[in-house]
């Protein structure tokens, strides 16, 4: 009798939930709210600022644009930094939400998202360096032509580092989607959409490496990635905010 009581109050599994753990509904709200904020911040930082100012074929024009709008670029870097923090929150919160569907899969989803987040954090370093080179003519004591080339290389390093991270982010979406499909913890069409989106991210990263004429296919691949990922992640956000963490499944978890 006493041995049984000892086993029940001292769980061997360190991932077993205790009374002090975050409830799935609270974690779902954290994940959904963070996802909603992340969408706006990422669109601003990447599309409204970086993509608009950077021209890969014009290093001088890119350096001039970054220098002319340095405060806006700093705001974009700050937005990326907040996205970095929000991704950590989402990784944790999704683990709590998906844990009833399987600890191993929910852990893999969390670790793959954290790995992607680490790549994003590293990618911010060359972006900051590009801004320093562009906005400070005396920085590193180099001539204008060398400075412009350095800006182009730094921006390319930002893009490539983030690109590698997106391949791991694709794995994250595939694992989350497969968990949804297998467990039916959420609508199965959502799971399939996330699997498609995650696969598209990974294929796009591979295409950058394999295709010498990637620019020829860039528009098509952008659509292949953007459509399922935007729809799938927005749907995931709404599910987290409105439905996740409710019901008997989570009550027993």
Protein backbone atom coordinates (compact mmCIF):
# COMPACT_ATOMS: atom_id res chain seq x y z
CA UNK A 1 0.00 0.00 0.00
CA UNK A 2 2.71 2.48 0.96
CA UNK A 3 4.77 1.58 -2.13
CA UNK A 4 1.80 2.40 -4.30
CA UNK A 5 1.35 5.79 -2.68
CA UNK A 6 5.05 6.61 -3.10
CA UNK A 7 4.93 5.81 -6.81
CA UNK A 8 1.86 7.98 -7.40
CA UNK A 9 3.30 11.04 -5.66
CA UNK A 10 6.78 10.75 -7.14
CA UNK A 11 6.32 10.50 -10.93
CA UNK A 12 9.23 8.93 -12.76
CA UNK A 13 8.44 10.94 -15.87
CA UNK A 14 9.89 14.45 -15.42
CA UNK A 15 7.37 15.72 -18.00
CA UNK A 16 4.38 14.66 -15.88
CA UNK A 17 2.16 17.62 -15.13
CA UNK A 18 2.10 18.93 -11.58
CA UNK A 19 -0.43 21.17 -9.91
CA UNK A 20 1.79 24.20 -10.60
CA UNK A 21 1.99 23.66 -14.36
CA UNK A 22 0.34 25.97 -16.87
CA UNK A 23 -3.11 24.80 -17.92
CA UNK A 24 -3.53 23.97 -21.62
CA UNK A 25 -6.17 26.68 -22.08
CA UNK A 26 -3.86 29.36 -20.69
CA UNK A 27 -1.00 28.08 -22.86
CA UNK A 28 -3.28 28.13 -25.91
CA UNK A 29 -4.08 31.79 -25.29
CA UNK A 30 -0.38 32.58 -24.91
CA UNK A 31 0.39 30.77 -28.17
CA UNK A 32 -2.52 32.33 -30.07
CA UNK A 33 -1.82 35.84 -28.83
CA UNK A 34 1.88 35.50 -29.59
CA UNK A 35 1.10 34.16 -33.07
CA UNK A 36 -1.22 37.11 -33.78
CA UNK A 37 1.43 39.63 -32.70
CA UNK A 38 4.11 37.75 -34.62
CA UNK A 39 2.18 38.04 -37.89
CA UNK A 40 2.03 41.82 -37.73
CA UNK A 41 5.63 42.23 -36.59
CA UNK A 42 7.05 39.85 -39.23
CA UNK A 43 5.07 41.46 -42.06
CA UNK A 44 6.30 44.91 -41.00
CA UNK A 45 9.94 43.93 -40.51
CA UNK A 46 10.40 41.67 -43.51
CA UNK A 47 8.04 42.96 -46.18
CA UNK A 48 7.46 46.61 -45.30
CA UNK A 49 11.12 47.30 -44.53
CA UNK A 50 13.82 44.77 -45.50
CA UNK A 51 12.33 43.44 -48.74
CA UNK A 52 11.35 46.95 -49.84
CA UNK A 53 14.78 48.48 -49.23
CA UNK A 54 17.06 45.66 -50.35
CA UNK A 55 17.86 45.19 -54.05
CA UNK A 56 20.23 42.21 -54.51
CA UNK A 57 21.32 43.52 -57.91
CA UNK A 58 22.17 47.03 -56.67
CA UNK A 59 24.57 47.08 -53.68
CA UNK A 60 25.02 50.86 -53.86
CA UNK A 61 21.27 51.44 -53.98
CA UNK A 62 20.71 49.05 -51.07
CA UNK A 63 23.35 50.79 -48.94
CA UNK A 64 21.86 54.20 -49.74
CA UNK A 65 18.31 53.01 -48.96
CA UNK A 66 19.34 51.50 -45.61
CA UNK A 67 21.22 54.67 -44.67
CA UNK A 68 18.34 56.94 -45.69
CA UNK A 69 15.83 54.98 -43.60
CA UNK A 70 18.09 53.91 -40.75
CA UNK A 71 15.48 54.59 -38.00
CA UNK A 72 12.95 52.41 -39.82
CA UNK A 73 15.54 49.64 -40.25
CA UNK A 74 16.32 49.80 -36.53
CA UNK A 75 12.59 49.44 -35.84
CA UNK A 76 12.55 46.38 -38.12
CA UNK A 77 15.49 44.84 -36.25
CA UNK A 78 13.66 45.48 -32.99
CA UNK A 79 10.52 43.86 -34.44
CA UNK A 80 12.56 40.80 -35.45
CA UNK A 81 13.94 40.69 -31.91
CA UNK A 82 10.42 40.63 -30.48
CA UNK A 83 9.52 37.89 -32.98
CA UNK A 84 12.50 35.94 -31.65
CA UNK A 85 11.10 36.13 -28.10
CA UNK A 86 7.54 35.35 -29.23
CA UNK A 87 8.76 32.22 -31.03
CA UNK A 88 10.24 30.95 -27.77
CA UNK A 89 6.90 31.55 -26.06
CA UNK A 90 5.03 29.76 -28.87
CA UNK A 91 7.38 26.76 -28.72
CA UNK A 92 6.69 26.37 -24.99
CA UNK A 93 2.95 27.03 -25.24
CA UNK A 94 2.41 24.63 -28.15
CA UNK A 95 4.22 21.93 -26.19
CA UNK A 96 1.73 22.37 -23.35
CA UNK A 97 -1.25 22.40 -25.75
CA UNK A 98 -0.12 19.38 -27.79
CA UNK A 99 1.21 17.32 -24.87
CA UNK A 100 -2.06 15.38 -24.46
CA UNK A 101 -1.62 14.17 -28.06
CA UNK A 102 1.82 12.71 -27.31
CA UNK A 103 4.80 14.01 -25.37
CA UNK A 104 7.42 12.82 -27.86
CA UNK A 105 5.81 14.56 -30.82
CA UNK A 106 5.07 17.71 -28.84
CA UNK A 107 8.71 17.82 -27.70
CA UNK A 108 9.94 17.43 -31.27
CA UNK A 109 7.64 20.25 -32.36
CA UNK A 110 8.96 22.48 -29.57
CA UNK A 111 12.65 21.73 -30.19
CA UNK A 112 12.36 22.21 -33.95
CA UNK A 113 10.71 25.60 -33.43
CA UNK A 114 13.41 26.60 -30.94
CA UNK A 115 16.09 25.55 -33.43
CA UNK A 116 14.47 27.74 -36.10
CA UNK A 117 14.30 30.59 -33.57
CA UNK A 118 18.02 30.27 -32.90
CA UNK A 119 18.72 30.66 -36.62
CA UNK A 120 16.57 33.79 -36.71
CA UNK A 121 18.50 35.25 -33.78
CA UNK A 122 21.83 34.55 -35.49
CA UNK A 123 20.52 36.06 -38.75
CA UNK A 124 19.91 39.38 -37.02
CA UNK A 125 23.66 39.86 -36.47
CA UNK A 126 24.56 40.44 -40.16
CA UNK A 127 21.43 42.59 -40.58
CA UNK A 128 22.64 44.90 -37.82
CA UNK A 129 26.10 44.87 -39.39
CA UNK A 130 24.61 45.86 -42.77
CA UNK A 131 22.92 48.84 -41.13
CA UNK A 132 26.14 49.88 -39.40
CA UNK A 133 28.09 49.69 -42.65
CA UNK A 134 25.43 51.61 -44.57
CA UNK A 135 24.72 54.38 -42.08
CA UNK A 136 28.23 55.10 -40.74
CA UNK A 137 30.70 56.18 -43.48
CA UNK A 138 33.62 55.87 -41.04
CA UNK A 139 32.70 52.39 -39.77
CA UNK A 140 35.59 49.90 -40.14
CA UNK A 141 37.59 52.52 -42.05
CA UNK A 142 36.77 51.17 -45.51
CA UNK A 143 36.17 52.97 -48.78
CA UNK A 144 32.62 53.45 -50.13
CA UNK A 145 32.83 50.65 -52.71
CA UNK A 146 34.03 48.15 -50.11
CA UNK A 147 31.36 49.36 -47.71
CA UNK A 148 28.61 48.83 -50.30
CA UNK A 149 29.90 45.35 -51.06
CA UNK A 150 29.98 44.60 -47.35
CA UNK A 151 26.35 45.69 -47.02
CA UNK A 152 25.36 43.35 -49.86
CA UNK A 153 27.23 40.41 -48.29
CA UNK A 154 25.75 41.09 -44.84
CA UNK A 155 22.20 41.25 -46.19
CA UNK A 156 22.78 38.03 -48.12
CA UNK A 157 24.08 36.39 -44.93
CA UNK A 158 20.88 37.47 -43.16
CA UNK A 159 18.75 35.95 -45.92
CA UNK A 160 20.67 32.67 -46.11
CA UNK A 161 20.82 32.12 -42.35
CA UNK A 162 17.09 32.70 -42.02
CA UNK A 163 16.51 30.47 -45.05
CA UNK A 164 18.25 27.53 -43.38
CA UNK A 165 16.20 28.16 -40.27
CA UNK A 166 12.99 28.06 -42.30
CA UNK A 167 13.78 24.49 -43.34
CA UNK A 168 13.69 23.53 -39.65
CA UNK A 169 10.55 25.63 -39.23
CA UNK A 170 9.07 23.48 -41.99
CA UNK A 171 9.84 20.41 -39.89
CA UNK A 172 8.06 22.07 -36.96
CA UNK A 173 4.90 22.62 -39.02
CA UNK A 174 5.00 19.05 -40.35
CA UNK A 175 5.25 17.65 -36.81
CA UNK A 176 2.44 19.87 -35.52
CA UNK A 177 0.28 18.95 -38.50
CA UNK A 178 0.99 15.23 -38.18
CA UNK A 179 0.16 15.41 -34.48
CA UNK A 180 -3.18 17.04 -35.28
CA UNK A 181 -3.96 14.44 -37.96
CA UNK A 182 -3.01 11.49 -35.78
CA UNK A 183 -4.71 12.62 -32.58
CA UNK A 184 -7.60 14.71 -33.97
CA UNK A 185 -6.90 17.19 -31.21
CA UNK A 186 -7.84 19.85 -33.80
CA UNK A 187 -9.61 19.69 -37.19
CA UNK A 188 -7.77 17.25 -39.47
CA UNK A 189 -7.86 19.63 -42.50
CA UNK A 190 -5.83 22.06 -40.38
CA UNK A 191 -3.29 19.32 -39.78
CA UNK A 192 -2.98 18.52 -43.48
CA UNK A 193 -2.62 22.21 -44.32
CA UNK A 194 0.22 22.56 -41.81
CA UNK A 195 1.95 19.48 -43.23
CA UNK A 196 1.72 20.93 -46.75
CA UNK A 197 3.02 24.30 -45.56
CA UNK A 198 5.93 22.73 -43.68
CA UNK A 199 6.87 20.60 -46.67
CA UNK A 200 6.77 23.68 -48.89
CA UNK A 201 9.19 25.54 -46.60
CA UNK A 202 11.66 22.66 -46.73
CA UNK A 203 11.33 22.24 -50.50
CA UNK A 204 11.91 25.98 -51.00
CA UNK A 205 15.12 25.86 -48.97
CA UNK A 206 16.33 22.85 -50.97
CA UNK A 207 15.45 24.64 -54.21
CA UNK A 208 17.68 27.57 -53.26
CA UNK A 209 20.59 25.13 -53.03
CA UNK A 210 19.80 22.82 -55.94
CA UNK A 211 18.48 25.19 -58.61
CA UNK A 212 21.09 27.36 -60.30
CA UNK A 213 18.26 29.40 -61.84
CA UNK A 214 16.20 29.71 -58.67
CA UNK A 215 15.15 33.28 -59.55
CA UNK A 216 13.28 31.86 -62.54
CA UNK A 217 11.07 29.82 -60.19
CA UNK A 218 11.03 32.24 -57.26
CA UNK A 219 7.51 33.54 -57.91
CA UNK A 220 5.99 30.08 -58.16
CA UNK A 221 7.82 28.81 -55.07
CA UNK A 222 6.82 31.90 -53.10
CA UNK A 223 3.17 31.18 -53.85
CA UNK A 224 3.60 27.49 -53.00
CA UNK A 225 5.01 28.47 -49.60
CA UNK A 226 2.91 31.54 -48.84
CA UNK A 227 -0.61 30.28 -49.54
CA UNK A 228 -0.70 27.16 -47.30
CA UNK A 229 1.49 28.73 -44.61
CA UNK A 230 -0.54 31.93 -44.25
CA UNK A 231 -3.88 30.13 -44.32
CA UNK A 232 -2.69 27.28 -42.10
CA UNK A 233 -1.00 29.44 -39.47
CA UNK A 234 -3.89 31.91 -39.34
CA UNK A 235 -6.26 28.99 -38.85
CA UNK A 236 -3.96 27.61 -36.16
CA UNK A 237 -3.98 31.01 -34.46
CA UNK A 238 -7.77 31.14 -34.43
CA UNK A 239 -8.00 27.57 -33.15
CA UNK A 240 -5.58 28.38 -30.33
CA UNK A 241 -7.49 31.50 -29.33
CA UNK A 242 -10.99 30.07 -29.60
CA UNK A 243 -10.91 26.29 -29.11
CA UNK A 244 -7.63 24.79 -27.91
CA UNK A 245 -7.36 23.75 -24.28
CA UNK A 246 -11.07 23.23 -23.79
CA UNK A 247 -12.91 19.96 -23.24
CA UNK A 248 -12.43 16.57 -21.66
CA UNK A 249 -9.24 15.67 -23.54
CA UNK A 250 -7.27 18.48 -21.90
CA UNK A 251 -9.01 18.10 -18.56
CA UNK A 252 -7.60 14.58 -18.28
CA UNK A 253 -4.13 15.52 -19.53
